[in-house]
Amino acid sequence: SGMLLTMLYPPDPSLWKEAEHFSTKVQFVRPTHFPSL
């Protein structure tokens, strides 16, 4: 499932140029356990 998710993830190189302007704060969200179940 990890391999499949990695293959299906479309990377967007245009966002790499804007990465330096992103916030350095990390916001944690509640994890979902449904796929693991």
PDB file of all heavy atoms in Angstrom:
ATOM      1  N   SER A   1       0.836  -1.206   0.000  1.00  0.00           N
ATOM      2  CA  SER A   1       0.000   0.000   0.000  1.00  0.00           C
ATOM      3  C   SER A   1       0.871   1.257   0.000  1.00  0.00           C
ATOM      4  O   SER A   1       0.534   2.243  -0.656  1.00  0.00           O
ATOM      5  CB  SER A   1      -0.955  -0.002   1.192  1.00  0.00           C
ATOM      6  OG  SER A   1      -0.248   0.141   2.405  1.00  0.00           O
ATOM      7  N   GLY A   2       1.998   1.209   0.694  1.00  0.00           N
ATOM      8  CA  GLY A   2       2.929   2.342   0.648  1.00  0.00           C
ATOM      9  C   GLY A   2       3.524   2.532  -0.729  1.00  0.00           C
ATOM     10  O   GLY A   2       3.672   3.664  -1.209  1.00  0.00           O
ATOM     11  N   MET A   3       3.863   1.429  -1.381  1.00  0.00           N
ATOM     12  CA  MET A   3       4.394   1.505  -2.748  1.00  0.00           C
ATOM     13  C   MET A   3       3.342   2.076  -3.703  1.00  0.00           C
ATOM     14  O   MET A   3       3.645   2.902  -4.557  1.00  0.00           O
ATOM     15  CB  MET A   3       4.824   0.114  -3.223  1.00  0.00           C
ATOM     16  CG  MET A   3       5.981  -0.468  -2.486  1.00  0.00           C
ATOM     17  SD  MET A   3       7.542   0.117  -3.076  1.00  0.00           S
ATOM     18  CE  MET A   3       7.627  -0.703  -4.640  1.00  0.00           C
ATOM     19  N   LEU A   4       2.098   1.635  -3.556  1.00  0.00           N
ATOM     20  CA  LEU A   4       1.024   2.116  -4.415  1.00  0.00           C
ATOM     21  C   LEU A   4       0.780   3.604  -4.205  1.00  0.00           C
ATOM     22  O   LEU A   4       0.642   4.361  -5.172  1.00  0.00           O
ATOM     23  CB  LEU A   4      -0.255   1.322  -4.140  1.00  0.00           C
ATOM     24  CG  LEU A   4      -1.454   1.659  -5.001  1.00  0.00           C
ATOM     25  CD1 LEU A   4      -1.200   1.249  -6.446  1.00  0.00           C
ATOM     26  CD2 LEU A   4      -2.690   0.970  -4.468  1.00  0.00           C
ATOM     27  N   LEU A   5       0.754   4.033  -2.941  1.00  0.00           N
ATOM     28  CA  LEU A   5       0.559   5.456  -2.672  1.00  0.00           C
ATOM     29  C   LEU A   5       1.711   6.290  -3.216  1.00  0.00           C
ATOM     30  O   LEU A   5       1.501   7.396  -3.730  1.00  0.00           O
ATOM     31  CB  LEU A   5       0.409   5.686  -1.169  1.00  0.00           C
ATOM     32  CG  LEU A   5      -0.893   5.224  -0.553  1.00  0.00           C
ATOM     33  CD1 LEU A   5      -0.830   5.350   0.965  1.00  0.00           C
ATOM     34  CD2 LEU A   5      -2.055   6.025  -1.103  1.00  0.00           C
ATOM     35  N   THR A   6       2.916   5.773  -3.126  1.00  0.00           N
ATOM     36  CA  THR A   6       4.067   6.490  -3.664  1.00  0.00           C
ATOM     37  C   THR A   6       3.995   6.582  -5.186  1.00  0.00           C
ATOM     38  O   THR A   6       4.316   7.623  -5.766  1.00  0.00           O
ATOM     39  CB  THR A   6       5.377   5.788  -3.239  1.00  0.00           C
ATOM     40  OG1 THR A   6       5.417   5.724  -1.815  1.00  0.00           O
ATOM     41  CG2 THR A   6       6.587   6.536  -3.736  1.00  0.00           C
ATOM     42  N   MET A   7       3.565   5.509  -5.844  1.00  0.00           N
ATOM     43  CA  MET A   7       3.463   5.524  -7.306  1.00  0.00           C
ATOM     44  C   MET A   7       2.354   6.462  -7.778  1.00  0.00           C
ATOM     45  O   MET A   7       2.475   7.082  -8.833  1.00  0.00           O
ATOM     46  CB  MET A   7       3.207   4.115  -7.839  1.00  0.00           C
ATOM     47  CG  MET A   7       4.411   3.227  -7.778  1.00  0.00           C
ATOM     48  SD  MET A   7       4.250   1.572  -8.510  1.00  0.00           S
ATOM     49  CE  MET A   7       2.533   1.267  -8.651  1.00  0.00           C
ATOM     50  N   LEU A   8       1.262   6.551  -7.018  1.00  0.00           N
ATOM     51  CA  LEU A   8       0.129   7.358  -7.456  1.00  0.00           C
ATOM     52  C   LEU A   8       0.249   8.831  -7.061  1.00  0.00           C
ATOM     53  O   LEU A   8      -0.558   9.644  -7.513  1.00  0.00           O
ATOM     54  CB  LEU A   8      -1.173   6.785  -6.882  1.00  0.00           C
ATOM     55  CG  LEU A   8      -1.553   5.399  -7.400  1.00  0.00           C
ATOM     56  CD1 LEU A   8      -2.817   4.908  -6.708  1.00  0.00           C
ATOM     57  CD2 LEU A   8      -1.734   5.408  -8.906  1.00  0.00           C
ATOM     58  N   TYR A   9       1.247   9.169  -6.247  1.00  0.00           N
ATOM     59  CA  TYR A   9       1.409  10.557  -5.817  1.00  0.00           C
ATOM     60  C   TYR A   9       2.031  11.369  -6.940  1.00  0.00           C
ATOM     61  O   TYR A   9       3.136  11.087  -7.382  1.00  0.00           O
ATOM     62  CB  TYR A   9       2.297  10.636  -4.580  1.00  0.00           C
ATOM     63  CG  TYR A   9       2.605  12.039  -4.160  1.00  0.00           C
ATOM     64  CD1 TYR A   9       1.634  12.831  -3.567  1.00  0.00           C
ATOM     65  CD2 TYR A   9       3.864  12.578  -4.366  1.00  0.00           C
ATOM     66  CE1 TYR A   9       1.900  14.122  -3.180  1.00  0.00           C
ATOM     67  CE2 TYR A   9       4.144  13.875  -3.992  1.00  0.00           C
ATOM     68  CZ  TYR A   9       3.160  14.642  -3.397  1.00  0.00           C
ATOM     69  OH  TYR A   9       3.433  15.922  -3.028  1.00  0.00           O
ATOM     70  N   PRO A  10       1.315  12.399  -7.418  1.00  0.00           N
ATOM     71  CA  PRO A  10       1.883  13.211  -8.502  1.00  0.00           C
ATOM     72  C   PRO A  10       2.711  14.376  -7.932  1.00  0.00           C
ATOM     73  O   PRO A  10       2.155  15.345  -7.417  1.00  0.00           O
ATOM     74  CB  PRO A  10       0.648  13.738  -9.234  1.00  0.00           C
ATOM     75  CG  PRO A  10      -0.404  13.805  -8.173  1.00  0.00           C
ATOM     76  CD  PRO A  10      -0.083  12.708  -7.189  1.00  0.00           C
ATOM     77  N   PRO A  11       4.029  14.306  -7.994  1.00  0.00           N
ATOM     78  CA  PRO A  11       4.827  15.422  -7.484  1.00  0.00           C
ATOM     79  C   PRO A  11       4.670  16.640  -8.390  1.00  0.00           C
ATOM     80  O   PRO A  11       4.515  16.515  -9.610  1.00  0.00           O
ATOM     81  CB  PRO A  11       6.255  14.889  -7.512  1.00  0.00           C
ATOM     82  CG  PRO A  11       6.237  13.791  -8.501  1.00  0.00           C
ATOM     83  CD  PRO A  11       4.844  13.229  -8.503  1.00  0.00           C
ATOM     84  N   ASP A  12       4.681  17.803  -7.793  1.00  0.00           N
ATOM     85  CA  ASP A  12       4.512  19.043  -8.537  1.00  0.00           C
ATOM     86  C   ASP A  12       5.772  19.892  -8.364  1.00  0.00           C
ATOM     87  O   ASP A  12       5.931  20.598  -7.370  1.00  0.00           O
ATOM     88  CB  ASP A  12       3.288  19.795  -8.022  1.00  0.00           C
ATOM     89  CG  ASP A  12       2.909  20.967  -8.896  1.00  0.00           C
ATOM     90  OD1 ASP A  12       3.544  21.153  -9.955  1.00  0.00           O
ATOM     91  OD2 ASP A  12       1.979  21.691  -8.514  1.00  0.00           O
ATOM     92  N   PRO A  13       6.693  19.831  -9.329  1.00  0.00           N
ATOM     93  CA  PRO A  13       7.948  20.569  -9.192  1.00  0.00           C
ATOM     94  C   PRO A  13       7.767  22.078  -9.134  1.00  0.00           C
ATOM     95  O   PRO A  13       8.640  22.781  -8.642  1.00  0.00           O
ATOM     96  CB  PRO A  13       8.741  20.179 -10.446  1.00  0.00           C
ATOM     97  CG  PRO A  13       8.107  18.948 -10.952  1.00  0.00           C
ATOM     98  CD  PRO A  13       6.680  18.995 -10.502  1.00  0.00           C
ATOM     99  N   SER A  14       6.648  22.589  -9.608  1.00  0.00           N
ATOM    100  CA  SER A  14       6.445  24.041  -9.561  1.00  0.00           C
ATOM    101  C   SER A  14       6.328  24.544  -8.121  1.00  0.00           C
ATOM    102  O   SER A  14       6.614  25.705  -7.843  1.00  0.00           O
ATOM    103  CB  SER A  14       5.213  24.426 -10.363  1.00  0.00           C
ATOM    104  OG  SER A  14       4.043  23.906  -9.746  1.00  0.00           O
ATOM    105  N   LEU A  15       5.931  23.670  -7.203  1.00  0.00           N
ATOM    106  CA  LEU A  15       5.831  24.068  -5.800  1.00  0.00           C
ATOM    107  C   LEU A  15       7.185  24.162  -5.118  1.00  0.00           C
ATOM    108  O   LEU A  15       7.319  24.817  -4.101  1.00  0.00           O
ATOM    109  CB  LEU A  15       4.939  23.094  -5.029  1.00  0.00           C
ATOM    110  CG  LEU A  15       3.465  23.095  -5.380  1.00  0.00           C
ATOM    111  CD1 LEU A  15       2.736  22.018  -4.598  1.00  0.00           C
ATOM    112  CD2 LEU A  15       2.853  24.451  -5.091  1.00  0.00           C
ATOM    113  N   TRP A  16       8.206  23.522  -5.678  1.00  0.00           N
ATOM    114  CA  TRP A  16       9.521  23.538  -5.053  1.00  0.00           C
ATOM    115  C   TRP A  16      10.111  24.945  -5.051  1.00  0.00           C
ATOM    116  O   TRP A  16      10.851  25.322  -4.152  1.00  0.00           O
ATOM    117  CB  TRP A  16      10.465  22.586  -5.769  1.00  0.00           C
ATOM    118  CG  TRP A  16      10.044  21.147  -5.654  1.00  0.00           C
ATOM    119  CD1 TRP A  16       9.142  20.625  -4.788  1.00  0.00           C
ATOM    120  CD2 TRP A  16      10.499  20.070  -6.444  1.00  0.00           C
ATOM    121  NE1 TRP A  16       9.002  19.275  -4.985  1.00  0.00           N
ATOM    122  CE2 TRP A  16       9.834  18.901  -5.994  1.00  0.00           C
ATOM    123  CE3 TRP A  16      11.400  19.957  -7.488  1.00  0.00           C
ATOM    124  CZ2 TRP A  16      10.038  17.663  -6.556  1.00  0.00           C
ATOM    125  CZ3 TRP A  16      11.614  18.709  -8.041  1.00  0.00           C
ATOM    126  CH2 TRP A  16      10.940  17.578  -7.576  1.00  0.00           C
ATOM    127  N   LYS A  17       9.773  25.731  -6.054  1.00  0.00           N
ATOM    128  CA  LYS A  17      10.272  27.118  -6.116  1.00  0.00           C
ATOM    129  C   LYS A  17       9.648  27.968  -5.016  1.00  0.00           C
ATOM    130  O   LYS A  17      10.258  28.892  -4.515  1.00  0.00           O
ATOM    131  CB  LYS A  17       9.970  27.725  -7.485  1.00  0.00           C
ATOM    132  CG  LYS A  17      10.672  27.026  -8.622  1.00  0.00           C
ATOM    133  CD  LYS A  17      10.218  27.581  -9.946  1.00  0.00           C
ATOM    134  CE  LYS A  17      10.789  26.747 -11.077  1.00  0.00           C
ATOM    135  NZ  LYS A  17      10.227  27.121 -12.363  1.00  0.00           N
ATOM    136  N   GLU A  18       8.420  27.643  -4.647  1.00  0.00           N
ATOM    137  CA  GLU A  18       7.712  28.402  -3.634  1.00  0.00           C
ATOM    138  C   GLU A  18       7.949  27.877  -2.223  1.00  0.00           C
ATOM    139  O   GLU A  18       7.442  28.430  -1.260  1.00  0.00           O
ATOM    140  CB  GLU A  18       6.214  28.375  -3.931  1.00  0.00           C
ATOM    141  CG  GLU A  18       5.848  28.924  -5.291  1.00  0.00           C
ATOM    142  CD  GLU A  18       4.396  28.666  -5.635  1.00  0.00           C
ATOM    143  OE1 GLU A  18       3.638  28.241  -4.744  1.00  0.00           O
ATOM    144  OE2 GLU A  18       4.029  28.885  -6.790  1.00  0.00           O
ATOM    145  N   ALA A  19       8.711  26.807  -2.088  1.00  0.00           N
ATOM    146  CA  ALA A  19       8.888  26.157  -0.794  1.00  0.00           C
ATOM    147  C   ALA A  19       9.564  27.060   0.225  1.00  0.00           C
ATOM    148  O   ALA A  19       9.302  26.954   1.423  1.00  0.00           O
ATOM    149  CB  ALA A  19       9.686  24.878  -0.949  1.00  0.00           C
ATOM    150  N   GLU A  20      10.411  27.951  -0.217  1.00  0.00           N
ATOM    151  CA  GLU A  20      11.099  28.833   0.732  1.00  0.00           C
ATOM    152  C   GLU A  20      10.154  29.851   1.367  1.00  0.00           C
ATOM    153  O   GLU A  20      10.457  30.402   2.412  1.00  0.00           O
ATOM    154  CB  GLU A  20      12.256  29.546   0.044  1.00  0.00           C
ATOM    155  CG  GLU A  20      11.816  30.424  -1.116  1.00  0.00           C
ATOM    156  CD  GLU A  20      12.990  30.931  -1.922  1.00  0.00           C
ATOM    157  OE1 GLU A  20      13.975  30.197  -2.071  1.00  0.00           O
ATOM    158  OE2 GLU A  20      12.892  32.082  -2.397  1.00  0.00           O
ATOM    159  N   HIS A  21       8.992  30.052   0.781  1.00  0.00           N
ATOM    160  CA  HIS A  21       8.020  31.000   1.324  1.00  0.00           C
ATOM    161  C   HIS A  21       6.973  30.340   2.216  1.00  0.00           C
ATOM    162  O   HIS A  21       6.125  31.018   2.784  1.00  0.00           O
ATOM    163  CB  HIS A  21       7.309  31.742   0.187  1.00  0.00           C
ATOM    164  CG  HIS A  21       8.245  32.468  -0.716  1.00  0.00           C
ATOM    165  ND1 HIS A  21       9.025  33.513  -0.295  1.00  0.00           N
ATOM    166  CD2 HIS A  21       8.550  32.260  -2.019  1.00  0.00           C
ATOM    167  CE1 HIS A  21       9.757  33.953  -1.300  1.00  0.00           C
ATOM    168  NE2 HIS A  21       9.485  33.193  -2.365  1.00  0.00           N
ATOM    169  N   PHE A  22       7.036  29.027   2.324  1.00  0.00           N
ATOM    170  CA  PHE A  22       6.076  28.315   3.163  1.00  0.00           C
ATOM    171  C   PHE A  22       6.360  28.559   4.632  1.00  0.00           C
ATOM    172  O   PHE A  22       7.481  28.850   5.037  1.00  0.00           O
ATOM    173  CB  PHE A  22       6.103  26.813   2.887  1.00  0.00           C
ATOM    174  CG  PHE A  22       5.525  26.417   1.554  1.00  0.00           C
ATOM    175  CD1 PHE A  22       5.877  25.220   0.975  1.00  0.00           C
ATOM    176  CD2 PHE A  22       4.635  27.232   0.881  1.00  0.00           C
ATOM    177  CE1 PHE A  22       5.358  24.839  -0.246  1.00  0.00           C
ATOM    178  CE2 PHE A  22       4.106  26.863  -0.339  1.00  0.00           C
ATOM    179  CZ  PHE A  22       4.468  25.675  -0.910  1.00  0.00           C
ATOM    180  N   SER A  23       5.343  28.396   5.438  1.00  0.00           N
ATOM    181  CA  SER A  23       5.485  28.562   6.882  1.00  0.00           C
ATOM    182  C   SER A  23       6.324  27.426   7.460  1.00  0.00           C
ATOM    183  O   SER A  23       6.270  26.285   6.994  1.00  0.00           O
ATOM    184  CB  SER A  23       4.098  28.553   7.536  1.00  0.00           C
ATOM    185  OG  SER A  23       4.226  28.550   8.926  1.00  0.00           O
ATOM    186  N   THR A  24       7.084  27.751   8.487  1.00  0.00           N
ATOM    187  CA  THR A  24       7.909  26.722   9.135  1.00  0.00           C
ATOM    188  C   THR A  24       7.187  26.076  10.303  1.00  0.00           C
ATOM    189  O   THR A  24       7.708  25.173  10.934  1.00  0.00           O
ATOM    190  CB  THR A  24       9.233  27.327   9.637  1.00  0.00           C
ATOM    191  OG1 THR A  24       8.935  28.402  10.524  1.00  0.00           O
ATOM    192  CG2 THR A  24      10.065  27.821   8.475  1.00  0.00           C
ATOM    193  N   LYS A  25       5.966  26.536  10.590  1.00  0.00           N
ATOM    194  CA  LYS A  25       5.181  25.927  11.662  1.00  0.00           C
ATOM    195  C   LYS A  25       4.584  24.617  11.178  1.00  0.00           C
ATOM    196  O   LYS A  25       4.141  24.493  10.042  1.00  0.00           O
ATOM    197  CB  LYS A  25       4.043  26.846  12.108  1.00  0.00           C
ATOM    198  CG  LYS A  25       4.493  28.036  12.897  1.00  0.00           C
ATOM    199  CD  LYS A  25       3.288  28.786  13.401  1.00  0.00           C
ATOM    200  CE  LYS A  25       3.713  29.951  14.246  1.00  0.00           C
ATOM    201  NZ  LYS A  25       2.554  30.673  14.769  1.00  0.00           N
ATOM    202  N   VAL A  26       4.564  23.650  12.066  1.00  0.00           N
ATOM    203  CA  VAL A  26       3.978  22.358  11.753  1.00  0.00           C
ATOM    204  C   VAL A  26       2.672  22.231  12.513  1.00  0.00           C
ATOM    205  O   VAL A  26       2.625  22.450  13.724  1.00  0.00           O
ATOM    206  CB  VAL A  26       4.930  21.203  12.151  1.00  0.00           C
ATOM    207  CG1 VAL A  26       4.276  19.863  11.890  1.00  0.00           C
ATOM    208  CG2 VAL A  26       6.242  21.321  11.411  1.00  0.00           C
ATOM    209  N   GLN A  27       1.622  21.928  11.802  1.00  0.00           N
ATOM    210  CA  GLN A  27       0.326  21.760  12.431  1.00  0.00           C
ATOM    211  C   GLN A  27      -0.049  20.286  12.367  1.00  0.00           C
ATOM    212  O   GLN A  27      -0.180  19.707  11.290  1.00  0.00           O
ATOM    213  CB  GLN A  27      -0.731  22.590  11.710  1.00  0.00           C
ATOM    214  CG  GLN A  27      -2.090  22.483  12.341  1.00  0.00           C
ATOM    215  CD  GLN A  27      -3.112  23.336  11.612  1.00  0.00           C
ATOM    216  OE1 GLN A  27      -2.792  23.998  10.638  1.00  0.00           O
ATOM    217  NE2 GLN A  27      -4.319  23.320  12.086  1.00  0.00           N
ATOM    218  N   PHE A  28      -0.183  19.685  13.534  1.00  0.00           N
ATOM    219  CA  PHE A  28      -0.546  18.282  13.601  1.00  0.00           C
ATOM    220  C   PHE A  28      -2.055  18.147  13.581  1.00  0.00           C
ATOM    221  O   PHE A  28      -2.761  18.874  14.255  1.00  0.00           O
ATOM    222  CB  PHE A  28       0.020  17.631  14.866  1.00  0.00           C
ATOM    223  CG  PHE A  28       1.509  17.548  14.865  1.00  0.00           C
ATOM    224  CD1 PHE A  28       2.282  18.451  15.560  1.00  0.00           C
ATOM    225  CD2 PHE A  28       2.144  16.557  14.141  1.00  0.00           C
ATOM    226  CE1 PHE A  28       3.658  18.376  15.552  1.00  0.00           C
ATOM    227  CE2 PHE A  28       3.520  16.459  14.121  1.00  0.00           C
ATOM    228  CZ  PHE A  28       4.279  17.374  14.834  1.00  0.00           C
ATOM    229  N   VAL A  29      -2.525  17.212  12.797  1.00  0.00           N
ATOM    230  CA  VAL A  29      -3.952  16.941  12.726  1.00  0.00           C
ATOM    231  C   VAL A  29      -4.193  15.552  13.280  1.00  0.00           C
ATOM    232  O   VAL A  29      -3.279  14.746  13.420  1.00  0.00           O
ATOM    233  CB  VAL A  29      -4.476  17.045  11.279  1.00  0.00           C
ATOM    234  CG1 VAL A  29      -4.378  18.471  10.776  1.00  0.00           C
ATOM    235  CG2 VAL A  29      -3.750  16.103  10.362  1.00  0.00           C
ATOM    236  N   ARG A  30      -5.419  15.273  13.568  1.00  0.00           N
ATOM    237  CA  ARG A  30      -5.770  13.970  14.123  1.00  0.00           C
ATOM    238  C   ARG A  30      -5.587  12.893  13.049  1.00  0.00           C
ATOM    239  O   ARG A  30      -6.135  12.997  11.958  1.00  0.00           O
ATOM    240  CB  ARG A  30      -7.214  14.001  14.594  1.00  0.00           C
ATOM    241  CG  ARG A  30      -7.613  12.764  15.315  1.00  0.00           C
ATOM    242  CD  ARG A  30      -8.967  12.916  15.903  1.00  0.00           C
ATOM    243  NE  ARG A  30      -9.288  11.682  16.592  1.00  0.00           N
ATOM    244  CZ  ARG A  30     -10.475  11.413  17.035  1.00  0.00           C
ATOM    245  NH1 ARG A  30     -11.454  12.265  16.877  1.00  0.00           N
ATOM    246  NH2 ARG A  30     -10.697  10.279  17.643  1.00  0.00           N
ATOM    247  N   PRO A  31      -4.808  11.862  13.347  1.00  0.00           N
ATOM    248  CA  PRO A  31      -4.563  10.830  12.327  1.00  0.00           C
ATOM    249  C   PRO A  31      -5.798   9.957  12.111  1.00  0.00           C
ATOM    250  O   PRO A  31      -6.617   9.779  13.008  1.00  0.00           O
ATOM    251  CB  PRO A  31      -3.417  10.015  12.905  1.00  0.00           C
ATOM    252  CG  PRO A  31      -3.548  10.188  14.375  1.00  0.00           C
ATOM    253  CD  PRO A  31      -4.099  11.584  14.583  1.00  0.00           C
ATOM    254  N   THR A  32      -5.901   9.429  10.935  1.00  0.00           N
ATOM    255  CA  THR A  32      -6.974   8.495  10.637  1.00  0.00           C
ATOM    256  C   THR A  32      -6.407   7.080  10.662  1.00  0.00           C
ATOM    257  O   THR A  32      -5.346   6.809  10.102  1.00  0.00           O
ATOM    258  CB  THR A  32      -7.633   8.796   9.283  1.00  0.00           C
ATOM    259  OG1 THR A  32      -8.608   7.794   9.042  1.00  0.00           O
ATOM    260  CG2 THR A  32      -6.642   8.836   8.155  1.00  0.00           C
ATOM    261  N   HIS A  33      -7.107   6.190  11.319  1.00  0.00           N
ATOM    262  CA  HIS A  33      -6.649   4.813  11.447  1.00  0.00           C
ATOM    263  C   HIS A  33      -7.425   3.873  10.526  1.00  0.00           C
ATOM    264  O   HIS A  33      -7.204   2.669  10.561  1.00  0.00           O
ATOM    265  CB  HIS A  33      -6.795   4.344  12.898  1.00  0.00           C
ATOM    266  CG  HIS A  33      -5.955   5.121  13.848  1.00  0.00           C
ATOM    267  ND1 HIS A  33      -4.592   5.025  13.869  1.00  0.00           N
ATOM    268  CD2 HIS A  33      -6.279   6.025  14.797  1.00  0.00           C
ATOM    269  CE1 HIS A  33      -4.108   5.816  14.800  1.00  0.00           C
ATOM    270  NE2 HIS A  33      -5.113   6.446  15.372  1.00  0.00           N
ATOM    271  N   PHE A  34      -8.300   4.419   9.720  1.00  0.00           N
ATOM    272  CA  PHE A  34      -9.142   3.591   8.853  1.00  0.00           C
ATOM    273  C   PHE A  34      -8.338   2.745   7.853  1.00  0.00           C
ATOM    274  O   PHE A  34      -8.603   1.545   7.723  1.00  0.00           O
ATOM    275  CB  PHE A  34     -10.177   4.459   8.132  1.00  0.00           C
ATOM    276  CG  PHE A  34     -11.178   3.672   7.363  1.00  0.00           C
ATOM    277  CD1 PHE A  34     -12.129   2.902   8.009  1.00  0.00           C
ATOM    278  CD2 PHE A  34     -11.157   3.680   5.980  1.00  0.00           C
ATOM    279  CE1 PHE A  34     -13.049   2.159   7.297  1.00  0.00           C
ATOM    280  CE2 PHE A  34     -12.071   2.941   5.257  1.00  0.00           C
ATOM    281  CZ  PHE A  34     -13.018   2.185   5.916  1.00  0.00           C
ATOM    282  N   PRO A  35      -7.354   3.310   7.132  1.00  0.00           N
ATOM    283  CA  PRO A  35      -6.585   2.459   6.202  1.00  0.00           C
ATOM    284  C   PRO A  35      -5.847   1.322   6.906  1.00  0.00           C
ATOM    285  O   PRO A  35      -5.785   0.206   6.392  1.00  0.00           O
ATOM    286  CB  PRO A  35      -5.597   3.428   5.548  1.00  0.00           C
ATOM    287  CG  PRO A  35      -6.233   4.758   5.688  1.00  0.00           C
ATOM    288  CD  PRO A  35      -6.986   4.716   6.988  1.00  0.00           C
ATOM    289  N   SER A  36      -5.311   1.582   8.083  1.00  0.00           N
ATOM    290  CA  SER A  36      -4.621   0.527   8.826  1.00  0.00           C
ATOM    291  C   SER A  36      -5.605  -0.546   9.286  1.00  0.00           C
ATOM    292  O   SER A  36      -5.271  -1.738   9.295  1.00  0.00           O
ATOM    293  CB  SER A  36      -3.901   1.103  10.037  1.00  0.00           C
ATOM    294  OG  SER A  36      -2.855   1.927   9.618  1.00  0.00           O
ATOM    295  N   LEU A  37      -6.809  -0.140   9.654  1.00  0.00           N
ATOM    296  CA  LEU A  37      -7.820  -1.122  10.053  1.00  0.00           C
ATOM    297  C   LEU A  37      -8.245  -1.992   8.885  1.00  0.00           C
ATOM    298  O   LEU A  37      -8.482  -3.194   9.047  1.00  0.00           O
ATOM    299  CB  LEU A  37      -9.027  -0.416  10.668  1.00  0.00           C
ATOM    300  CG  LEU A  37      -8.804   0.209  12.047  1.00  0.00           C
ATOM    301  CD1 LEU A  37     -10.044   0.971  12.487  1.00  0.00           C
ATOM    302  CD2 LEU A  37      -8.458  -0.859  13.056  1.00  0.00           C
TER     303      LEU A  37
END
